[in-house]
Amino acid sequence: MGEVPLSLHIKADTNRRLEEEAQRQNTSAAHIAEQALTWYLESREHQRQLLSEHAAEANAVLS
């Protein structure tokens, strides 16, 4: 997949912490932010999947 630019506003303290972590990992702040966003989205998708499965199980029991 190609890349697209993303611009966002974050608190100054969050930016400082992000930049410090990027230096510790010898990578870019953008790379860490992308990893964090990917993890967040995958986590939310997994949660939705689990809720959907549990709802289907509950409906089966109630039917």
PDB file of N, CA and C in Angstrom:
ATOM      1  N   MET A   1       0.841  -1.179   0.000  1.00  0.00           N
ATOM      2  CA  MET A   1       0.000   0.000   0.000  1.00  0.00           C
ATOM      3  C   MET A   1       0.885   1.241   0.000  1.00  0.00           C
ATOM      4  N   GLY A   2       0.392   2.280  -0.636  1.00  0.00           N
ATOM      5  CA  GLY A   2       1.126   3.533  -0.652  1.00  0.00           C
ATOM      6  C   GLY A   2       0.950   4.297   0.640  1.00  0.00           C
ATOM      7  N   GLU A   3       1.735   5.305   0.764  1.00  0.00           N
ATOM      8  CA  GLU A   3       1.655   6.149   1.949  1.00  0.00           C
ATOM      9  C   GLU A   3       0.976   7.456   1.596  1.00  0.00           C
ATOM     10  N   VAL A   4       0.283   8.025   2.570  1.00  0.00           N
ATOM     11  CA  VAL A   4      -0.343   9.336   2.415  1.00  0.00           C
ATOM     12  C   VAL A   4       0.049  10.192   3.605  1.00  0.00           C
ATOM     13  N   PRO A   5       0.142  11.493   3.434  1.00  0.00           N
ATOM     14  CA  PRO A   5       0.505  12.353   4.561  1.00  0.00           C
ATOM     15  C   PRO A   5      -0.649  12.472   5.550  1.00  0.00           C
ATOM     16  N   LEU A   6      -0.305  12.676   6.797  1.00  0.00           N
ATOM     17  CA  LEU A   6      -1.289  12.884   7.857  1.00  0.00           C
ATOM     18  C   LEU A   6      -0.768  13.992   8.755  1.00  0.00           C
ATOM     19  N   SER A   7      -1.602  14.943   9.024  1.00  0.00           N
ATOM     20  CA  SER A   7      -1.225  16.048   9.902  1.00  0.00           C
ATOM     21  C   SER A   7      -2.158  16.050  11.100  1.00  0.00           C
ATOM     22  N   LEU A   8      -1.597  16.193  12.285  1.00  0.00           N
ATOM     23  CA  LEU A   8      -2.434  16.248  13.474  1.00  0.00           C
ATOM     24  C   LEU A   8      -1.790  17.120  14.531  1.00  0.00           C
ATOM     25  N   HIS A   9      -2.596  17.578  15.424  1.00  0.00           N
ATOM     26  CA  HIS A   9      -2.127  18.406  16.528  1.00  0.00           C
ATOM     27  C   HIS A   9      -2.087  17.547  17.782  1.00  0.00           C
ATOM     28  N   ILE A  10      -0.948  17.590  18.469  1.00  0.00           N
ATOM     29  CA  ILE A  10      -0.808  16.872  19.733  1.00  0.00           C
ATOM     30  C   ILE A  10      -0.261  17.830  20.776  1.00  0.00           C
ATOM     31  N   LYS A  11      -0.443  17.474  22.021  1.00  0.00           N
ATOM     32  CA  LYS A  11       0.057  18.312  23.105  1.00  0.00           C
ATOM     33  C   LYS A  11       1.577  18.366  23.057  1.00  0.00           C
ATOM     34  N   ALA A  12       2.124  19.486  23.483  1.00  0.00           N
ATOM     35  CA  ALA A  12       3.577  19.686  23.454  1.00  0.00           C
ATOM     36  C   ALA A  12       4.293  18.597  24.247  1.00  0.00           C
ATOM     37  N   ASP A  13       3.746  18.216  25.383  1.00  0.00           N
ATOM     38  CA  ASP A  13       4.376  17.185  26.203  1.00  0.00           C
ATOM     39  C   ASP A  13       4.373  15.836  25.493  1.00  0.00           C
ATOM     40  N   THR A  14       3.272  15.525  24.813  1.00  0.00           N
ATOM     41  CA  THR A  14       3.202  14.273  24.053  1.00  0.00           C
ATOM     42  C   THR A  14       4.240  14.276  22.944  1.00  0.00           C
ATOM     43  N   ASN A  15       4.395  15.397  22.274  1.00  0.00           N
ATOM     44  CA  ASN A  15       5.381  15.507  21.207  1.00  0.00           C
ATOM     45  C   ASN A  15       6.799  15.329  21.761  1.00  0.00           C
ATOM     46  N   ARG A  16       7.071  15.940  22.900  1.00  0.00           N
ATOM     47  CA  ARG A  16       8.390  15.799  23.518  1.00  0.00           C
ATOM     48  C   ARG A  16       8.680  14.343  23.834  1.00  0.00           C
ATOM     49  N   ARG A  17       7.709  13.663  24.429  1.00  0.00           N
ATOM     50  CA  ARG A  17       7.892  12.255  24.776  1.00  0.00           C
ATOM     51  C   ARG A  17       8.072  11.391  23.538  1.00  0.00           C
ATOM     52  N   LEU A  18       7.310  11.698  22.502  1.00  0.00           N
ATOM     53  CA  LEU A  18       7.410  10.965  21.239  1.00  0.00           C
ATOM     54  C   LEU A  18       8.795  11.148  20.623  1.00  0.00           C
ATOM     55  N   GLU A  19       9.279  12.367  20.579  1.00  0.00           N
ATOM     56  CA  GLU A  19      10.603  12.640  20.025  1.00  0.00           C
ATOM     57  C   GLU A  19      11.698  11.954  20.840  1.00  0.00           C
ATOM     58  N   GLU A  20      11.563  11.972  22.162  1.00  0.00           N
ATOM     59  CA  GLU A  20      12.549  11.289  23.012  1.00  0.00           C
ATOM     60  C   GLU A  20      12.556   9.786  22.743  1.00  0.00           C
ATOM     61  N   GLU A  21      11.389   9.193  22.613  1.00  0.00           N
ATOM     62  CA  GLU A  21      11.306   7.764  22.346  1.00  0.00           C
ATOM     63  C   GLU A  21      11.880   7.442  20.967  1.00  0.00           C
ATOM     64  N   ALA A  22      11.613   8.286  20.011  1.00  0.00           N
ATOM     65  CA  ALA A  22      12.162   8.084  18.669  1.00  0.00           C
ATOM     66  C   ALA A  22      13.692   8.099  18.710  1.00  0.00           C
ATOM     67  N   GLN A  23      14.253   9.002  19.472  1.00  0.00           N
ATOM     68  CA  GLN A  23      15.716   9.042  19.601  1.00  0.00           C
ATOM     69  C   GLN A  23      16.235   7.775  20.269  1.00  0.00           C
ATOM     70  N   ARG A  24      15.563   7.322  21.319  1.00  0.00           N
ATOM     71  CA  ARG A  24      16.000   6.098  21.998  1.00  0.00           C
ATOM     72  C   ARG A  24      15.964   4.899  21.058  1.00  0.00           C
ATOM     73  N   GLN A  25      14.962   4.852  20.175  1.00  0.00           N
ATOM     74  CA  GLN A  25      14.808   3.728  19.266  1.00  0.00           C
ATOM     75  C   GLN A  25      15.558   3.932  17.952  1.00  0.00           C
ATOM     76  N   ASN A  26      16.173   5.084  17.803  1.00  0.00           N
ATOM     77  CA  ASN A  26      16.888   5.425  16.574  1.00  0.00           C
ATOM     78  C   ASN A  26      15.971   5.299  15.360  1.00  0.00           C
ATOM     79  N   THR A  27      14.791   5.880  15.489  1.00  0.00           N
ATOM     80  CA  THR A  27      13.808   5.877  14.402  1.00  0.00           C
ATOM     81  C   THR A  27      13.118   7.233  14.386  1.00  0.00           C
ATOM     82  N   SER A  28      12.164   7.399  13.524  1.00  0.00           N
ATOM     83  CA  SER A  28      11.460   8.684  13.445  1.00  0.00           C
ATOM     84  C   SER A  28      10.208   8.677  14.322  1.00  0.00           C
ATOM     85  N   ALA A  29       9.821   9.869  14.719  1.00  0.00           N
ATOM     86  CA  ALA A  29       8.574  10.012  15.472  1.00  0.00           C
ATOM     87  C   ALA A  29       7.394   9.564  14.620  1.00  0.00           C
ATOM     88  N   ALA A  30       7.467   9.821  13.323  1.00  0.00           N
ATOM     89  CA  ALA A  30       6.390   9.408  12.419  1.00  0.00           C
ATOM     90  C   ALA A  30       6.249   7.890  12.394  1.00  0.00           C
ATOM     91  N   HIS A  31       7.369   7.177  12.438  1.00  0.00           N
ATOM     92  CA  HIS A  31       7.311   5.714  12.434  1.00  0.00           C
ATOM     93  C   HIS A  31       6.636   5.198  13.704  1.00  0.00           C
ATOM     94  N   ILE A  32       6.976   5.765  14.827  1.00  0.00           N
ATOM     95  CA  ILE A  32       6.361   5.349  16.099  1.00  0.00           C
ATOM     96  C   ILE A  32       4.873   5.679  16.087  1.00  0.00           C
ATOM     97  N   ALA A  33       4.523   6.862  15.592  1.00  0.00           N
ATOM     98  CA  ALA A  33       3.111   7.248  15.527  1.00  0.00           C
ATOM     99  C   ALA A  33       2.341   6.303  14.614  1.00  0.00           C
ATOM    100  N   GLU A  34       2.932   5.918  13.483  1.00  0.00           N
ATOM    101  CA  GLU A  34       2.261   4.984  12.583  1.00  0.00           C
ATOM    102  C   GLU A  34       2.056   3.632  13.260  1.00  0.00           C
ATOM    103  N   GLN A  35       3.083   3.156  13.980  1.00  0.00           N
ATOM    104  CA  GLN A  35       2.945   1.891  14.703  1.00  0.00           C
ATOM    105  C   GLN A  35       1.837   1.981  15.734  1.00  0.00           C
ATOM    106  N   ALA A  36       1.777   3.085  16.455  1.00  0.00           N
ATOM    107  CA  ALA A  36       0.750   3.267  17.485  1.00  0.00           C
ATOM    108  C   ALA A  36      -0.642   3.298  16.878  1.00  0.00           C
ATOM    109  N   LEU A  37      -0.803   3.999  15.765  1.00  0.00           N
ATOM    110  CA  LEU A  37      -2.103   4.049  15.103  1.00  0.00           C
ATOM    111  C   LEU A  37      -2.511   2.675  14.578  1.00  0.00           C
ATOM    112  N   THR A  38      -1.565   1.951  14.016  1.00  0.00           N
ATOM    113  CA  THR A  38      -1.859   0.601  13.517  1.00  0.00           C
ATOM    114  C   THR A  38      -2.289  -0.295  14.667  1.00  0.00           C
ATOM    115  N   TRP A  39      -1.556  -0.256  15.774  1.00  0.00           N
ATOM    116  CA  TRP A  39      -1.908  -1.070  16.938  1.00  0.00           C
ATOM    117  C   TRP A  39      -3.308  -0.706  17.441  1.00  0.00           C
ATOM    118  N   TYR A  40      -3.595   0.589  17.536  1.00  0.00           N
ATOM    119  CA  TYR A  40      -4.896   1.041  18.022  1.00  0.00           C
ATOM    120  C   TYR A  40      -6.023   0.533  17.129  1.00  0.00           C
ATOM    121  N   LEU A  41      -5.864   0.702  15.828  1.00  0.00           N
ATOM    122  CA  LEU A  41      -6.914   0.275  14.902  1.00  0.00           C
ATOM    123  C   LEU A  41      -7.112  -1.234  14.921  1.00  0.00           C
ATOM    124  N   GLU A  42      -6.024  -1.986  14.978  1.00  0.00           N
ATOM    125  CA  GLU A  42      -6.147  -3.448  15.045  1.00  0.00           C
ATOM    126  C   GLU A  42      -6.808  -3.881  16.343  1.00  0.00           C
ATOM    127  N   SER A  43      -6.481  -3.203  17.434  1.00  0.00           N
ATOM    128  CA  SER A  43      -7.084  -3.512  18.725  1.00  0.00           C
ATOM    129  C   SER A  43      -8.591  -3.246  18.702  1.00  0.00           C
ATOM    130  N   ARG A  44      -8.990  -2.110  18.140  1.00  0.00           N
ATOM    131  CA  ARG A  44     -10.418  -1.779  18.060  1.00  0.00           C
ATOM    132  C   ARG A  44     -11.161  -2.774  17.169  1.00  0.00           C
ATOM    133  N   GLU A  45     -10.545  -3.159  16.040  1.00  0.00           N
ATOM    134  CA  GLU A  45     -11.174  -4.144  15.159  1.00  0.00           C
ATOM    135  C   GLU A  45     -11.361  -5.478  15.881  1.00  0.00           C
ATOM    136  N   HIS A  46     -10.366  -5.871  16.650  1.00  0.00           N
ATOM    137  CA  HIS A  46     -10.450  -7.128  17.400  1.00  0.00           C
ATOM    138  C   HIS A  46     -11.567  -7.042  18.444  1.00  0.00           C
ATOM    139  N   GLN A  47     -11.654  -5.921  19.141  1.00  0.00           N
ATOM    140  CA  GLN A  47     -12.712  -5.737  20.135  1.00  0.00           C
ATOM    141  C   GLN A  47     -14.089  -5.823  19.487  1.00  0.00           C
ATOM    142  N   ARG A  48     -14.264  -5.170  18.329  1.00  0.00           N
ATOM    143  CA  ARG A  48     -15.546  -5.232  17.631  1.00  0.00           C
ATOM    144  C   ARG A  48     -15.881  -6.656  17.223  1.00  0.00           C
ATOM    145  N   GLN A  49     -14.873  -7.391  16.758  1.00  0.00           N
ATOM    146  CA  GLN A  49     -15.089  -8.782  16.344  1.00  0.00           C
ATOM    147  C   GLN A  49     -15.561  -9.612  17.536  1.00  0.00           C
ATOM    148  N   LEU A  50     -14.886  -9.449  18.683  1.00  0.00           N
ATOM    149  CA  LEU A  50     -15.273 -10.202  19.875  1.00  0.00           C
ATOM    150  C   LEU A  50     -16.696  -9.857  20.311  1.00  0.00           C
ATOM    151  N   LEU A  51     -17.018  -8.572  20.307  1.00  0.00           N
ATOM    152  CA  LEU A  51     -18.376  -8.164  20.694  1.00  0.00           C
ATOM    153  C   LEU A  51     -19.407  -8.746  19.750  1.00  0.00           C
ATOM    154  N   SER A  52     -19.110  -8.752  18.473  1.00  0.00           N
ATOM    155  CA  SER A  52     -20.030  -9.309  17.489  1.00  0.00           C
ATOM    156  C   SER A  52     -20.233 -10.807  17.729  1.00  0.00           C
ATOM    157  N   GLU A  53     -19.145 -11.508  17.997  1.00  0.00           N
ATOM    158  CA  GLU A  53     -19.242 -12.945  18.268  1.00  0.00           C
ATOM    159  C   GLU A  53     -20.046 -13.222  19.531  1.00  0.00           C
ATOM    160  N   HIS A  54     -19.797 -12.432  20.582  1.00  0.00           N
ATOM    161  CA  HIS A  54     -20.543 -12.631  21.836  1.00  0.00           C
ATOM    162  C   HIS A  54     -22.017 -12.300  21.654  1.00  0.00           C
ATOM    163  N   ALA A  55     -22.305 -11.275  20.870  1.00  0.00           N
ATOM    164  CA  ALA A  55     -23.701 -10.921  20.619  1.00  0.00           C
ATOM    165  C   ALA A  55     -24.399 -12.040  19.849  1.00  0.00           C
ATOM    166  N   ALA A  56     -23.702 -12.621  18.884  1.00  0.00           N
ATOM    167  CA  ALA A  56     -24.281 -13.727  18.125  1.00  0.00           C
ATOM    168  C   ALA A  56     -24.533 -14.932  19.027  1.00  0.00           C
ATOM    169  N   GLU A  57     -23.610 -15.218  19.938  1.00  0.00           N
ATOM    170  CA  GLU A  57     -23.787 -16.325  20.878  1.00  0.00           C
ATOM    171  C   GLU A  57     -24.975 -16.055  21.799  1.00  0.00           C
ATOM    172  N   ALA A  58     -25.072 -14.831  22.277  1.00  0.00           N
ATOM    173  CA  ALA A  58     -26.182 -14.490  23.178  1.00  0.00           C
ATOM    174  C   ALA A  58     -27.512 -14.595  22.447  1.00  0.00           C
ATOM    175  N   ASN A  59     -27.554 -14.135  21.220  1.00  0.00           N
ATOM    176  CA  ASN A  59     -28.788 -14.235  20.435  1.00  0.00           C
ATOM    177  C   ASN A  59     -29.165 -15.697  20.202  1.00  0.00           C
ATOM    178  N   ALA A  60     -28.173 -16.540  19.976  1.00  0.00           N
ATOM    179  CA  ALA A  60     -28.442 -17.971  19.749  1.00  0.00           C
ATOM    180  C   ALA A  60     -29.030 -18.605  21.009  1.00  0.00           C
ATOM    181  N   VAL A  61     -28.513 -18.206  22.166  1.00  0.00           N
ATOM    182  CA  VAL A  61     -29.004 -18.753  23.422  1.00  0.00           C
ATOM    183  C   VAL A  61     -30.428 -18.281  23.684  1.00  0.00           C
ATOM    184  N   LEU A  62     -30.719 -17.054  23.353  1.00  0.00           N
ATOM    185  CA  LEU A  62     -32.035 -16.460  23.628  1.00  0.00           C
ATOM    186  C   LEU A  62     -33.075 -16.901  22.613  1.00  0.00           C
ATOM    187  N   SER A  63     -32.651 -17.417  21.490  1.00  0.00           N
ATOM    188  CA  SER A  63     -33.615 -17.808  20.449  1.00  0.00           C
ATOM    189  C   SER A  63     -34.224 -19.150  20.710  1.00  0.00           C
TER     190      SER A  63
END
